[in-house]
C-alpha atoms as a PDB file:
ATOM      1  CA  UNK A   1      62.378 133.459 -58.519  1.00  0.00           C
ATOM      2  CA  UNK A   2      62.938 131.668 -55.063  1.00  0.00           C
ATOM      3  CA  UNK A   3      59.863 134.374 -53.635  1.00  0.00           C
ATOM      4  CA  UNK A   4      57.767 133.211 -56.466  1.00  0.00           C
ATOM      5  CA  UNK A   5      58.025 129.507 -55.571  1.00  0.00           C
ATOM      6  CA  UNK A   6      57.661 130.409 -52.154  1.00  0.00           C
ATOM      7  CA  UNK A   7      54.198 131.853 -52.790  1.00  0.00           C
ATOM      8  CA  UNK A   8      53.439 129.257 -54.966  1.00  0.00           C
ATOM      9  CA  UNK A   9      54.137 126.964 -51.927  1.00  0.00           C
ATOM     10  CA  UNK A  10      52.030 129.000 -49.471  1.00  0.00           C
ATOM     11  CA  UNK A  11      49.051 129.332 -51.688  1.00  0.00           C
ATOM     12  CA  UNK A  12      49.450 125.788 -52.365  1.00  0.00           C
ATOM     13  CA  UNK A  13      49.434 125.261 -48.965  1.00  0.00           C
ATOM     14  CA  UNK A  14      46.206 127.478 -48.076  1.00  0.00           C
ATOM     15  CA  UNK A  15      44.514 125.526 -50.673  1.00  0.00           C
ATOM     16  CA  UNK A  16      45.084 122.371 -48.924  1.00  0.00           C
ATOM     17  CA  UNK A  17      43.977 124.021 -45.436  1.00  0.00           C
ATOM     18  CA  UNK A  18      40.865 124.991 -46.774  1.00  0.00           C
ATOM     19  CA  UNK A  19      40.357 122.220 -48.646  1.00  0.00           C
ATOM     20  CA  UNK A  20      40.422 119.535 -45.405  1.00  0.00           C
ATOM     21  CA  UNK A  21      38.415 122.308 -43.473  1.00  0.00           C
ATOM     22  CA  UNK A  22      35.904 121.990 -46.270  1.00  0.00           C
ATOM     23  CA  UNK A  23      36.085 118.079 -46.287  1.00  0.00           C
ATOM     24  CA  UNK A  24      36.257 118.067 -42.407  1.00  0.00           C
ATOM     25  CA  UNK A  25      32.792 120.345 -42.180  1.00  0.00           C
ATOM     26  CA  UNK A  26      30.888 117.865 -44.971  1.00  0.00           C
ATOM     27  CA  UNK A  27      32.354 115.013 -43.518  1.00  0.00           C
ATOM     28  CA  UNK A  28      30.360 116.265 -39.930  1.00  0.00           C
ATOM     29  CA  UNK A  29      27.083 117.325 -41.853  1.00  0.00           C
ATOM     30  CA  UNK A  30      26.659 113.517 -43.412  1.00  0.00           C
ATOM     31  CA  UNK A  31      27.438 111.938 -39.933  1.00  0.00           C
ATOM     32  CA  UNK A  32      23.904 109.848 -39.742  1.00  0.00           C
ATOM     33  CA  UNK A  33      24.201 110.786 -35.718  1.00  0.00           C
ATOM     34  CA  UNK A  34      24.443 114.245 -36.667  1.00  0.00           C
ATOM     35  CA  UNK A  35      21.237 113.762 -38.759  1.00  0.00           C
ATOM     36  CA  UNK A  36      19.901 111.980 -36.524  1.00  0.00           C
ATOM     37  CA  UNK A  37      19.973 114.381 -33.407  1.00  0.00           C
ATOM     38  CA  UNK A  38      18.393 117.086 -35.543  1.00  0.00           C
ATOM     39  CA  UNK A  39      15.580 114.701 -36.625  1.00  0.00           C
ATOM     40  CA  UNK A  40      15.216 114.679 -32.779  1.00  0.00           C
ATOM     41  CA  UNK A  41      15.138 118.089 -31.900  1.00  0.00           C
ATOM     42  CA  UNK A  42      12.848 118.806 -35.194  1.00  0.00           C
ATOM     43  CA  UNK A  43      10.527 116.223 -33.462  1.00  0.00           C
ATOM     44  CA  UNK A  44      11.026 117.536 -30.066  1.00  0.00           C
ATOM     45  CA  UNK A  45      10.057 121.103 -31.405  1.00  0.00           C
ATOM     46  CA  UNK A  46       6.961 120.202 -32.952  1.00  0.00           C
ATOM     47  CA  UNK A  47       6.052 118.292 -29.942  1.00  0.00           C
ATOM     48  CA  UNK A  48       6.249 121.027 -27.843  1.00  0.00           C
ATOM     49  CA  UNK A  49       4.603 122.960 -30.535  1.00  0.00           C
ATOM     50  CA  UNK A  50       1.583 120.574 -30.146  1.00  0.00           C
ATOM     51  CA  UNK A  51       1.294 120.700 -26.517  1.00  0.00           C
ATOM     52  CA  UNK A  52       1.310 124.460 -26.361  1.00  0.00           C
ATOM     53  CA  UNK A  53      -1.484 124.513 -28.951  1.00  0.00           C
ATOM     54  CA  UNK A  54      -3.191 121.988 -26.603  1.00  0.00           C
ATOM     55  CA  UNK A  55      -2.673 123.496 -23.528  1.00  0.00           C
ATOM     56  CA  UNK A  56      -3.988 126.883 -25.053  1.00  0.00           C
ATOM     57  CA  UNK A  57      -7.207 124.889 -26.247  1.00  0.00           C
ATOM     58  CA  UNK A  58      -7.707 123.565 -22.741  1.00  0.00           C
ATOM     59  CA  UNK A  59      -7.205 126.906 -21.688  1.00  0.00           C
ATOM     60  CA  UNK A  60     -10.045 128.687 -23.360  1.00  0.00           C
ATOM     61  CA  UNK A  61     -13.188 128.457 -21.547  1.00  0.00           C
ATOM     62  CA  UNK A  62     -15.274 128.804 -24.735  1.00  0.00           C
ATOM     63  CA  UNK A  63     -13.257 125.415 -26.148  1.00  0.00           C
ATOM     64  CA  UNK A  64     -13.022 123.485 -22.834  1.00  0.00           C
ATOM     65  CA  UNK A  65     -17.024 121.860 -23.203  1.00  0.00           C
ATOM     66  CA  UNK A  66     -16.488 120.863 -26.633  1.00  0.00           C
ATOM     67  CA  UNK A  67     -13.205 119.288 -25.633  1.00  0.00           C
ATOM     68  CA  UNK A  68     -14.629 117.557 -22.819  1.00  0.00           C
ATOM     69  CA  UNK A  69     -17.211 116.439 -24.830  1.00  0.00           C
ATOM     70  CA  UNK A  70     -15.435 114.940 -27.724  1.00  0.00           C
ATOM     71  CA  UNK A  71     -13.100 113.008 -25.273  1.00  0.00           C
ATOM     72  CA  UNK A  72     -16.451 111.367 -23.392  1.00  0.00           C
ATOM     73  CA  UNK A  73     -17.538 110.792 -26.767  1.00  0.00           C
ATOM     74  CA  UNK A  74     -14.718 108.850 -28.002  1.00  0.00           C
ATOM     75  CA  UNK A  75     -14.571 107.049 -24.483  1.00  0.00           C
ATOM     76  CA  UNK A  76     -17.675 105.718 -24.876  1.00  0.00           C
ATOM     77  CA  UNK A  77     -17.217 104.099 -28.500  1.00  0.00           C
ATOM     78  CA  UNK A  78     -14.055 103.044 -27.511  1.00  0.00           C
ATOM     79  CA  UNK A  79     -16.040 101.310 -24.383  1.00  0.00           C
ATOM     80  CA  UNK A  80     -18.710 100.191 -27.104  1.00  0.00           C
ATOM     81  CA  UNK A  81     -16.113  98.678 -29.276  1.00  0.00           C
ATOM     82  CA  UNK A  82     -14.490  96.687 -26.745  1.00  0.00           C
ATOM     83  CA  UNK A  83     -17.941  95.111 -25.004  1.00  0.00           C
ATOM     84  CA  UNK A  84     -19.015  93.630 -28.307  1.00  0.00           C
END
Protein backbone atom coordinates (compact mmCIF):
# COMPACT_ATOMS: atom_id res chain seq x y z
CA UNK A 1 0.00 0.00 0.00
CA UNK A 2 2.88 2.37 0.80
CA UNK A 3 4.32 1.84 -2.65
CA UNK A 4 1.03 2.61 -4.29
CA UNK A 5 0.78 5.84 -2.33
CA UNK A 6 4.38 6.72 -3.20
CA UNK A 7 3.72 6.03 -6.87
CA UNK A 8 0.59 8.16 -6.82
CA UNK A 9 2.42 11.02 -5.08
CA UNK A 10 5.27 10.81 -7.59
CA UNK A 11 2.83 10.84 -10.52
CA UNK A 12 1.04 13.84 -9.04
CA UNK A 13 4.36 15.67 -8.63
CA UNK A 14 5.37 14.82 -12.22
CA UNK A 15 2.03 16.10 -13.48
CA UNK A 16 2.47 19.34 -11.49
CA UNK A 17 5.93 19.88 -12.95
CA UNK A 18 4.65 19.24 -16.48
CA UNK A 19 1.76 21.64 -15.93
CA UNK A 20 4.09 24.31 -14.52
CA UNK A 21 6.38 23.92 -17.53
CA UNK A 22 3.44 24.21 -19.92
CA UNK A 23 2.14 27.31 -18.17
CA UNK A 24 5.59 28.92 -18.29
CA UNK A 25 5.80 28.22 -22.03
CA UNK A 26 2.33 29.68 -22.64
CA UNK A 27 3.23 32.73 -20.57
CA UNK A 28 6.36 33.38 -22.59
CA UNK A 29 4.50 32.95 -25.90
CA UNK A 30 1.72 35.31 -24.84
CA UNK A 31 4.17 37.96 -23.61
CA UNK A 32 3.45 41.18 -25.57
CA UNK A 33 7.16 41.98 -25.82
CA UNK A 34 7.81 38.57 -27.38
CA UNK A 35 4.96 39.09 -29.86
CA UNK A 36 6.29 42.55 -30.82
CA UNK A 37 9.80 41.16 -31.25
CA UNK A 38 8.46 38.44 -33.56
CA UNK A 39 6.61 41.08 -35.59
CA UNK A 40 9.76 43.18 -35.86
CA UNK A 41 11.75 40.19 -37.08
CA UNK A 42 9.14 39.35 -39.70
CA UNK A 43 8.99 42.96 -40.87
CA UNK A 44 12.78 43.20 -41.06
CA UNK A 45 12.89 39.97 -43.06
CA UNK A 46 10.29 41.32 -45.49
CA UNK A 47 12.15 44.62 -45.88
CA UNK A 48 15.45 42.82 -46.47
CA UNK A 49 13.82 40.63 -49.08
CA UNK A 50 12.38 43.69 -50.83
CA UNK A 51 15.78 45.38 -50.81
CA UNK A 52 17.36 42.32 -52.40
CA UNK A 53 14.71 42.22 -55.12
CA UNK A 54 15.12 45.94 -55.81
CA UNK A 55 18.89 45.60 -55.95
CA UNK A 56 18.53 42.69 -58.37
CA UNK A 57 16.30 44.85 -60.58
CA UNK A 58 18.86 47.67 -60.59
CA UNK A 59 21.64 45.24 -61.42
CA UNK A 60 19.75 43.94 -64.47
CA UNK A 61 20.91 46.03 -67.46
CA UNK A 62 17.59 45.51 -69.27
CA UNK A 63 15.53 46.95 -66.42
CA UNK A 64 17.80 49.81 -65.40
CA UNK A 65 16.67 52.34 -68.07
CA UNK A 66 13.01 51.65 -67.27
CA UNK A 67 13.59 52.18 -63.55
CA UNK A 68 15.52 55.40 -64.18
CA UNK A 69 12.82 56.63 -66.57
CA UNK A 70 10.11 55.83 -64.02
CA UNK A 71 12.02 57.67 -61.32
CA UNK A 72 12.49 60.72 -63.54
CA UNK A 73 8.80 60.69 -64.46
CA UNK A 74 7.73 60.54 -60.82
CA UNK A 75 10.18 63.32 -59.96
CA UNK A 76 8.82 65.54 -62.74
CA UNK A 77 5.23 64.90 -61.69
CA UNK A 78 6.05 65.80 -58.09
CA UNK A 79 7.89 68.93 -59.21
CA UNK A 80 4.92 69.93 -61.38
CA UNK A 81 2.54 69.45 -58.47
CA UNK A 82 4.74 71.56 -56.18
CA UNK A 83 5.03 74.40 -58.71
CA UNK A 84 1.28 74.69 -59.24
